[in-house]
Amino acid sequence: DPDETSVGGAAEEMSASARHHLAVVLSGEGEDETHQLIDQLGRAVARGVNVKLLGRVGLLRDRRFLEHLDKYAPGVDTRLVRAPLQELVLADSVVGAVWIRNGVAVREAVVVRAPAVLRNLRTLFTVSWSSSAALSDHRRLSERSRSALGRRILQALSSGRTDEAAARELGVSVRTYRRNVAEITRELGANSRFQAGARAVELGLLSPSSDLLASGAGQLAGKNLSA
């Protein structure tokens, strides 16, 4: 019966049953249900369970969610991704729950115990996890990096434009452009301009593009020629 109570209860029971690994995907909808599950995740971490929580980037705007996560489940390894997500809970390799929403209401839900299906769900989770970025990385970014100007600077970096050309296009001095580049690169935790572009894609600040790939190929080619 896919109502909020039954799905939330099943997800909490699975979280409570986990002994080794717990993988959870949340959209951030269904606030009360989400908060109850987070409480359970915090208790699982306290038992020594390896808990991974994957959510949408939009959760950064949900102050109540972030405060609840910080207070009741600070040890949960949390990552965010921009792509649409299928909400689920996977407890060890034994049981899982998958649910689909219609707005905030749960429309369909299923409990999974078949080993082959659970392996496939685990693989899908792993793929999404590998393309996500840590919540702490997202929270470290200032409005500068998230602003329209920040995105245009990152696009200029990923395209390989010279500082002079990029500054001219943005209507700022070269000195101002370079200062912004240095500050944004530091916020992204990058060691190079190309790495800053790659990190921006990872954090959802930029979409993957041929410019970024071309810039990376050019840098690699330059390194090979100078070797």
C-alpha atoms as a PDB file:
ATOM      1  CA  ASP A   1       0.000   0.000   0.000  1.00  0.00           C
ATOM      2  CA  PRO A   2       2.035   2.978  -1.266  1.00  0.00           C
ATOM      3  CA  ASP A   3       1.001   5.680   1.181  1.00  0.00           C
ATOM      4  CA  GLU A   4       3.355   7.926   3.141  1.00  0.00           C
ATOM      5  CA  THR A   5       3.010   5.935   6.355  1.00  0.00           C
ATOM      6  CA  SER A   6       3.646   2.498   4.879  1.00  0.00           C
ATOM      7  CA  VAL A   7       6.558   3.577   2.675  1.00  0.00           C
ATOM      8  CA  GLY A   8       8.175   5.664   5.410  1.00  0.00           C
ATOM      9  CA  GLY A   9       7.759   2.841   7.905  1.00  0.00           C
ATOM     10  CA  ALA A  10       9.253   0.271   5.537  1.00  0.00           C
ATOM     11  CA  ALA A  11      12.221   2.532   4.794  1.00  0.00           C
ATOM     12  CA  GLU A  12      12.832   3.126   8.504  1.00  0.00           C
ATOM     13  CA  GLU A  13      12.620  -0.612   9.275  1.00  0.00           C
ATOM     14  CA  MET A  14      15.164  -1.361   6.562  1.00  0.00           C
ATOM     15  CA  SER A  15      17.486   1.329   7.883  1.00  0.00           C
ATOM     16  CA  ALA A  16      17.169  -0.133  11.369  1.00  0.00           C
ATOM     17  CA  SER A  17      17.955  -3.630  10.046  1.00  0.00           C
ATOM     18  CA  ALA A  18      21.188  -2.636   8.264  1.00  0.00           C
ATOM     19  CA  ARG A  19      24.360  -4.028   9.811  1.00  0.00           C
ATOM     20  CA  HIS A  20      27.056  -3.139   7.280  1.00  0.00           C
ATOM     21  CA  HIS A  21      25.954  -0.866   4.418  1.00  0.00           C
ATOM     22  CA  LEU A  22      23.029   1.466   3.870  1.00  0.00           C
ATOM     23  CA  ALA A  23      22.418   3.398   0.640  1.00  0.00           C
ATOM     24  CA  VAL A  24      19.644   5.991   0.512  1.00  0.00           C
ATOM     25  CA  VAL A  25      18.405   8.279  -2.254  1.00  0.00           C
ATOM     26  CA  LEU A  26      16.109  11.179  -1.345  1.00  0.00           C
ATOM     27  CA  SER A  27      14.457  13.865  -3.441  1.00  0.00           C
ATOM     28  CA  GLY A  28      13.760  16.126  -0.474  1.00  0.00           C
ATOM     29  CA  GLU A  29       9.987  15.913  -0.919  1.00  0.00           C
ATOM     30  CA  GLY A  30       7.806  14.533   1.858  1.00  0.00           C
ATOM     31  CA  GLU A  31       9.464  16.558   4.626  1.00  0.00           C
ATOM     32  CA  ASP A  32       8.187  14.689   7.715  1.00  0.00           C
ATOM     33  CA  GLU A  33       8.948  11.308   6.178  1.00  0.00           C
ATOM     34  CA  THR A  34      12.422  12.492   5.154  1.00  0.00           C
ATOM     35  CA  HIS A  35      13.248  13.807   8.626  1.00  0.00           C
ATOM     36  CA  GLN A  36      12.183  10.542  10.268  1.00  0.00           C
ATOM     37  CA  LEU A  37      14.386   8.575   7.894  1.00  0.00           C
ATOM     38  CA  ILE A  38      17.346  10.873   8.570  1.00  0.00           C
ATOM     39  CA  ASP A  39      16.945  10.197  12.294  1.00  0.00           C
ATOM     40  CA  GLN A  40      17.228   6.497  11.517  1.00  0.00           C
ATOM     41  CA  LEU A  41      20.318   7.076   9.380  1.00  0.00           C
ATOM     42  CA  GLY A  42      21.989   8.843  12.282  1.00  0.00           C
ATOM     43  CA  ARG A  43      21.286   5.873  14.532  1.00  0.00           C
ATOM     44  CA  ALA A  44      22.672   3.512  11.878  1.00  0.00           C
ATOM     45  CA  VAL A  45      25.948   5.472  11.777  1.00  0.00           C
ATOM     46  CA  ALA A  46      26.124   5.234  15.564  1.00  0.00           C
ATOM     47  CA  ARG A  47      25.907   1.426  15.202  1.00  0.00           C
ATOM     48  CA  GLY A  48      28.903   1.462  12.873  1.00  0.00           C
ATOM     49  CA  VAL A  49      26.961   1.132   9.599  1.00  0.00           C
ATOM     50  CA  ASN A  50      28.483   2.712   6.480  1.00  0.00           C
ATOM     51  CA  VAL A  51      25.696   5.084   5.380  1.00  0.00           C
ATOM     52  CA  LYS A  52      25.633   6.888   2.042  1.00  0.00           C
ATOM     53  CA  LEU A  53      22.943   9.462   1.316  1.00  0.00           C
ATOM     54  CA  LEU A  54      22.433  10.824  -2.198  1.00  0.00           C
ATOM     55  CA  GLY A  55      20.156  13.811  -2.813  1.00  0.00           C
ATOM     56  CA  ARG A  56      19.243  16.465  -5.359  1.00  0.00           C
ATOM     57  CA  VAL A  57      21.243  19.694  -5.518  1.00  0.00           C
ATOM     58  CA  GLY A  58      17.987  21.510  -4.727  1.00  0.00           C
ATOM     59  CA  LEU A  59      18.296  20.304  -1.129  1.00  0.00           C
ATOM     60  CA  LEU A  60      20.885  23.057  -0.630  1.00  0.00           C
ATOM     61  CA  ARG A  61      17.952  25.477  -0.535  1.00  0.00           C
ATOM     62  CA  ASP A  62      16.117  23.472   2.140  1.00  0.00           C
ATOM     63  CA  ARG A  63      17.449  24.968   5.365  1.00  0.00           C
ATOM     64  CA  ARG A  64      15.318  22.716   7.587  1.00  0.00           C
ATOM     65  CA  PHE A  65      16.624  19.596   5.857  1.00  0.00           C
ATOM     66  CA  LEU A  66      20.253  20.692   6.257  1.00  0.00           C
ATOM     67  CA  GLU A  67      19.775  21.652   9.912  1.00  0.00           C
ATOM     68  CA  HIS A  68      18.105  18.309  10.636  1.00  0.00           C
ATOM     69  CA  LEU A  69      20.879  16.423   8.862  1.00  0.00           C
ATOM     70  CA  ASP A  70      23.583  18.319  10.769  1.00  0.00           C
ATOM     71  CA  LYS A  71      21.876  17.727  14.107  1.00  0.00           C
ATOM     72  CA  TYR A  72      20.727  14.115  13.882  1.00  0.00           C
ATOM     73  CA  ALA A  73      22.951  12.494  11.254  1.00  0.00           C
ATOM     74  CA  PRO A  74      26.272  14.368  11.099  1.00  0.00           C
ATOM     75  CA  GLY A  75      28.223  11.201  10.306  1.00  0.00           C
ATOM     76  CA  VAL A  76      26.279  10.342   7.161  1.00  0.00           C
ATOM     77  CA  ASP A  77      28.331  10.536   3.954  1.00  0.00           C
ATOM     78  CA  THR A  78      26.120  12.877   1.923  1.00  0.00           C
ATOM     79  CA  ARG A  79      26.465  13.764  -1.741  1.00  0.00           C
ATOM     80  CA  LEU A  80      24.371  15.789  -4.154  1.00  0.00           C
ATOM     81  CA  VAL A  81      23.702  15.426  -7.850  1.00  0.00           C
ATOM     82  CA  ARG A  82      21.787  17.530 -10.372  1.00  0.00           C
ATOM     83  CA  ALA A  83      20.248  14.620 -12.308  1.00  0.00           C
ATOM     84  CA  PRO A  84      16.741  13.299 -11.514  1.00  0.00           C
ATOM     85  CA  LEU A  85      16.790  10.603  -8.847  1.00  0.00           C
ATOM     86  CA  GLN A  86      14.802   7.479  -8.054  1.00  0.00           C
ATOM     87  CA  GLU A  87      14.118   7.445  -4.310  1.00  0.00           C
ATOM     88  CA  LEU A  88      15.202   4.238  -2.622  1.00  0.00           C
ATOM     89  CA  VAL A  89      16.732   2.543   0.406  1.00  0.00           C
ATOM     90  CA  LEU A  90      19.127  -0.404   0.145  1.00  0.00           C
ATOM     91  CA  ALA A  91      20.029  -2.236   3.351  1.00  0.00           C
ATOM     92  CA  ASP A  92      23.126  -4.420   2.996  1.00  0.00           C
ATOM     93  CA  SER A  93      22.456  -6.845   0.129  1.00  0.00           C
ATOM     94  CA  VAL A  94      19.294  -8.185   1.707  1.00  0.00           C
ATOM     95  CA  VAL A  95      16.376  -5.835   1.145  1.00  0.00           C
ATOM     96  CA  GLY A  96      15.465  -2.568  -0.538  1.00  0.00           C
ATOM     97  CA  ALA A  97      12.549  -0.214  -1.071  1.00  0.00           C
ATOM     98  CA  VAL A  98      11.839   1.894  -4.137  1.00  0.00           C
ATOM     99  CA  TRP A  99       9.137   4.545  -4.398  1.00  0.00           C
ATOM    100  CA  ILE A 100       7.840   7.001  -6.973  1.00  0.00           C
ATOM    101  CA  ARG A 101       6.121  10.281  -6.138  1.00  0.00           C
ATOM    102  CA  ASN A 102       3.365  12.272  -7.753  1.00  0.00           C
ATOM    103  CA  GLY A 103       4.326  15.673  -6.379  1.00  0.00           C
ATOM    104  CA  VAL A 104       4.931  15.139  -2.653  1.00  0.00           C
ATOM    105  CA  ALA A 105       2.613  12.122  -2.411  1.00  0.00           C
ATOM    106  CA  VAL A 106       3.891   8.594  -2.948  1.00  0.00           C
ATOM    107  CA  ARG A 107       2.245   7.080  -6.024  1.00  0.00           C
ATOM    108  CA  GLU A 108       3.899   3.663  -6.259  1.00  0.00           C
ATOM    109  CA  ALA A 109       6.191   1.674  -3.975  1.00  0.00           C
ATOM    110  CA  VAL A 110       7.803  -1.753  -3.890  1.00  0.00           C
ATOM    111  CA  VAL A 111       9.885  -3.768  -1.434  1.00  0.00           C
ATOM    112  CA  VAL A 112      12.663  -5.748  -3.121  1.00  0.00           C
ATOM    113  CA  ARG A 113      14.297  -8.926  -1.835  1.00  0.00           C
ATOM    114  CA  ALA A 114      15.392 -10.582  -5.096  1.00  0.00           C
ATOM    115  CA  PRO A 115      19.239 -10.666  -5.086  1.00  0.00           C
ATOM    116  CA  ALA A 116      19.561  -9.958  -8.828  1.00  0.00           C
ATOM    117  CA  VAL A 117      17.312  -6.889  -8.633  1.00  0.00           C
ATOM    118  CA  LEU A 118      19.136  -5.639  -5.550  1.00  0.00           C
ATOM    119  CA  ARG A 119      22.475  -5.952  -7.371  1.00  0.00           C
ATOM    120  CA  ASN A 120      21.122  -3.882 -10.259  1.00  0.00           C
ATOM    121  CA  LEU A 121      19.807  -1.223  -7.881  1.00  0.00           C
ATOM    122  CA  ARG A 122      23.164  -1.137  -6.139  1.00  0.00           C
ATOM    123  CA  THR A 123      24.908  -0.660  -9.502  1.00  0.00           C
ATOM    124  CA  LEU A 124      22.577   2.201 -10.423  1.00  0.00           C
ATOM    125  CA  PHE A 125      23.247   3.822  -7.054  1.00  0.00           C
ATOM    126  CA  THR A 126      27.007   3.452  -7.507  1.00  0.00           C
ATOM    127  CA  VAL A 127      26.871   5.098 -10.947  1.00  0.00           C
ATOM    128  CA  SER A 128      24.904   8.066  -9.588  1.00  0.00           C
ATOM    129  CA  TRP A 129      27.194   8.296  -6.563  1.00  0.00           C
ATOM    130  CA  SER A 130      30.326   8.406  -8.733  1.00  0.00           C
ATOM    131  CA  SER A 131      28.975  11.403 -10.675  1.00  0.00           C
ATOM    132  CA  SER A 132      27.982  13.349  -7.557  1.00  0.00           C
ATOM    133  CA  ALA A 133      29.861  15.789  -5.302  1.00  0.00           C
ATOM    134  CA  ALA A 134      30.113  15.935  -1.522  1.00  0.00           C
ATOM    135  CA  LEU A 135      27.622  18.124   0.319  1.00  0.00           C
ATOM    136  CA  SER A 136      30.548  19.821   2.074  1.00  0.00           C
ATOM    137  CA  ASP A 137      31.966  20.872  -1.318  1.00  0.00           C
ATOM    138  CA  HIS A 138      28.646  22.430  -2.310  1.00  0.00           C
ATOM    139  CA  ARG A 139      28.319  24.284   0.980  1.00  0.00           C
ATOM    140  CA  ARG A 140      31.813  25.723   0.639  1.00  0.00           C
ATOM    141  CA  LEU A 141      30.844  27.637  -2.507  1.00  0.00           C
ATOM    142  CA  SER A 142      30.001  31.311  -2.151  1.00  0.00           C
ATOM    143  CA  GLU A 143      27.513  33.317  -4.180  1.00  0.00           C
ATOM    144  CA  ARG A 144      30.452  34.403  -6.342  1.00  0.00           C
ATOM    145  CA  SER A 145      30.868  30.917  -7.764  1.00  0.00           C
ATOM    146  CA  ARG A 146      27.115  30.394  -8.132  1.00  0.00           C
ATOM    147  CA  SER A 147      26.416  33.764  -9.741  1.00  0.00           C
ATOM    148  CA  ALA A 148      25.897  34.404 -13.450  1.00  0.00           C
ATOM    149  CA  LEU A 149      29.325  36.080 -13.579  1.00  0.00           C
ATOM    150  CA  GLY A 150      30.894  33.070 -11.858  1.00  0.00           C
ATOM    151  CA  ARG A 151      29.405  30.701 -14.420  1.00  0.00           C
ATOM    152  CA  ARG A 152      30.618  32.892 -17.294  1.00  0.00           C
ATOM    153  CA  ILE A 153      34.128  32.886 -15.817  1.00  0.00           C
ATOM    154  CA  LEU A 154      34.008  29.093 -15.509  1.00  0.00           C
ATOM    155  CA  GLN A 155      32.808  28.806 -19.097  1.00  0.00           C
ATOM    156  CA  ALA A 156      35.712  30.993 -20.197  1.00  0.00           C
ATOM    157  CA  LEU A 157      38.133  28.781 -18.269  1.00  0.00           C
ATOM    158  CA  SER A 158      36.720  25.583 -19.745  1.00  0.00           C
ATOM    159  CA  SER A 159      36.891  26.960 -23.289  1.00  0.00           C
ATOM    160  CA  GLY A 160      40.583  27.854 -22.998  1.00  0.00           C
ATOM    161  CA  ARG A 161      40.159  31.582 -23.732  1.00  0.00           C
ATOM    162  CA  THR A 162      43.069  33.848 -22.849  1.00  0.00           C
ATOM    163  CA  ASP A 163      42.671  36.064 -19.795  1.00  0.00           C
ATOM    164  CA  GLU A 164      42.658  39.142 -22.013  1.00  0.00           C
ATOM    165  CA  ALA A 165      39.918  37.799 -24.298  1.00  0.00           C
ATOM    166  CA  ALA A 166      37.787  36.546 -21.388  1.00  0.00           C
ATOM    167  CA  ALA A 167      38.097  39.823 -19.479  1.00  0.00           C
ATOM    168  CA  ARG A 168      37.146  41.767 -22.597  1.00  0.00           C
ATOM    169  CA  GLU A 169      34.047  39.610 -23.161  1.00  0.00           C
ATOM    170  CA  LEU A 170      32.998  39.990 -19.523  1.00  0.00           C
ATOM    171  CA  GLY A 171      33.622  43.717 -19.486  1.00  0.00           C
ATOM    172  CA  VAL A 172      36.103  43.655 -16.594  1.00  0.00           C
ATOM    173  CA  SER A 173      39.793  44.374 -16.250  1.00  0.00           C
ATOM    174  CA  VAL A 174      42.299  41.560 -16.629  1.00  0.00           C
ATOM    175  CA  ARG A 175      43.322  42.096 -13.016  1.00  0.00           C
ATOM    176  CA  THR A 176      39.717  41.726 -11.803  1.00  0.00           C
ATOM    177  CA  TYR A 177      39.201  38.664 -13.992  1.00  0.00           C
ATOM    178  CA  ARG A 178      42.334  36.961 -12.654  1.00  0.00           C
ATOM    179  CA  ARG A 179      41.371  37.750  -9.054  1.00  0.00           C
ATOM    180  CA  ASN A 180      37.947  36.150  -9.580  1.00  0.00           C
ATOM    181  CA  VAL A 181      39.547  33.140 -11.262  1.00  0.00           C
ATOM    182  CA  ALA A 182      41.899  32.626  -8.319  1.00  0.00           C
ATOM    183  CA  GLU A 183      39.100  32.923  -5.754  1.00  0.00           C
ATOM    184  CA  ILE A 184      36.703  30.618  -7.619  1.00  0.00           C
ATOM    185  CA  THR A 185      39.450  28.055  -8.242  1.00  0.00           C
ATOM    186  CA  ARG A 186      40.250  28.040  -4.524  1.00  0.00           C
ATOM    187  CA  GLU A 187      36.578  27.582  -3.575  1.00  0.00           C
ATOM    188  CA  LEU A 188      36.318  24.638  -5.947  1.00  0.00           C
ATOM    189  CA  GLY A 189      39.360  23.011  -4.355  1.00  0.00           C
ATOM    190  CA  ALA A 190      41.072  22.865  -7.751  1.00  0.00           C
ATOM    191  CA  ASN A 191      44.811  22.960  -8.447  1.00  0.00           C
ATOM    192  CA  SER A 192      44.531  24.191 -12.026  1.00  0.00           C
ATOM    193  CA  ARG A 193      42.165  26.082 -14.274  1.00  0.00           C
ATOM    194  CA  PHE A 194      41.172  22.994 -16.201  1.00  0.00           C
ATOM    195  CA  GLN A 195      40.538  21.134 -12.962  1.00  0.00           C
ATOM    196  CA  ALA A 196      38.342  24.052 -11.879  1.00  0.00           C
ATOM    197  CA  GLY A 197      36.226  23.530 -15.001  1.00  0.00           C
ATOM    198  CA  ALA A 198      35.956  19.812 -14.316  1.00  0.00           C
ATOM    199  CA  ARG A 199      34.991  20.450 -10.685  1.00  0.00           C
ATOM    200  CA  ALA A 200      32.375  22.964 -11.832  1.00  0.00           C
ATOM    201  CA  VAL A 201      30.750  20.264 -13.953  1.00  0.00           C
ATOM    202  CA  GLU A 202      30.868  17.847 -11.025  1.00  0.00           C
ATOM    203  CA  LEU A 203      29.185  20.411  -8.762  1.00  0.00           C
ATOM    204  CA  GLY A 204      26.532  21.232 -11.343  1.00  0.00           C
ATOM    205  CA  LEU A 205      27.775  24.771 -11.980  1.00  0.00           C
ATOM    206  CA  LEU A 206      28.465  23.917 -15.628  1.00  0.00           C
ATOM    207  CA  SER A 207      27.045  21.400 -18.054  1.00  0.00           C
ATOM    208  CA  PRO A 208      29.474  18.975 -19.717  1.00  0.00           C
ATOM    209  CA  SER A 209      30.542  20.448 -23.062  1.00  0.00           C
ATOM    210  CA  SER A 210      32.830  19.808 -25.962  1.00  0.00           C
ATOM    211  CA  ASP A 211      34.685  23.021 -25.027  1.00  0.00           C
ATOM    212  CA  LEU A 212      35.714  21.489 -21.720  1.00  0.00           C
ATOM    213  CA  LEU A 213      36.816  18.275 -23.424  1.00  0.00           C
ATOM    214  CA  ALA A 214      38.681  20.204 -26.086  1.00  0.00           C
ATOM    215  CA  SER A 215      40.434  22.325 -23.474  1.00  0.00           C
ATOM    216  CA  GLY A 216      41.520  19.201 -21.594  1.00  0.00           C
ATOM    217  CA  ALA A 217      42.724  17.533 -24.785  1.00  0.00           C
ATOM    218  CA  GLY A 218      44.707  20.632 -25.661  1.00  0.00           C
ATOM    219  CA  GLN A 219      46.394  20.708 -22.260  1.00  0.00           C
ATOM    220  CA  LEU A 220      47.247  17.021 -22.460  1.00  0.00           C
ATOM    221  CA  ALA A 221      48.647  17.459 -25.954  1.00  0.00           C
ATOM    222  CA  GLY A 222      50.788  20.367 -24.766  1.00  0.00           C
ATOM    223  CA  LYS A 223      52.178  18.263 -21.951  1.00  0.00           C
ATOM    224  CA  ASN A 224      53.010  15.415 -24.347  1.00  0.00           C
ATOM    225  CA  LEU A 225      54.823  17.795 -26.735  1.00  0.00           C
ATOM    226  CA  SER A 226      56.912  19.263 -23.916  1.00  0.00           C
ATOM    227  CA  ALA A 227      57.761  15.873 -22.420  1.00  0.00           C
END
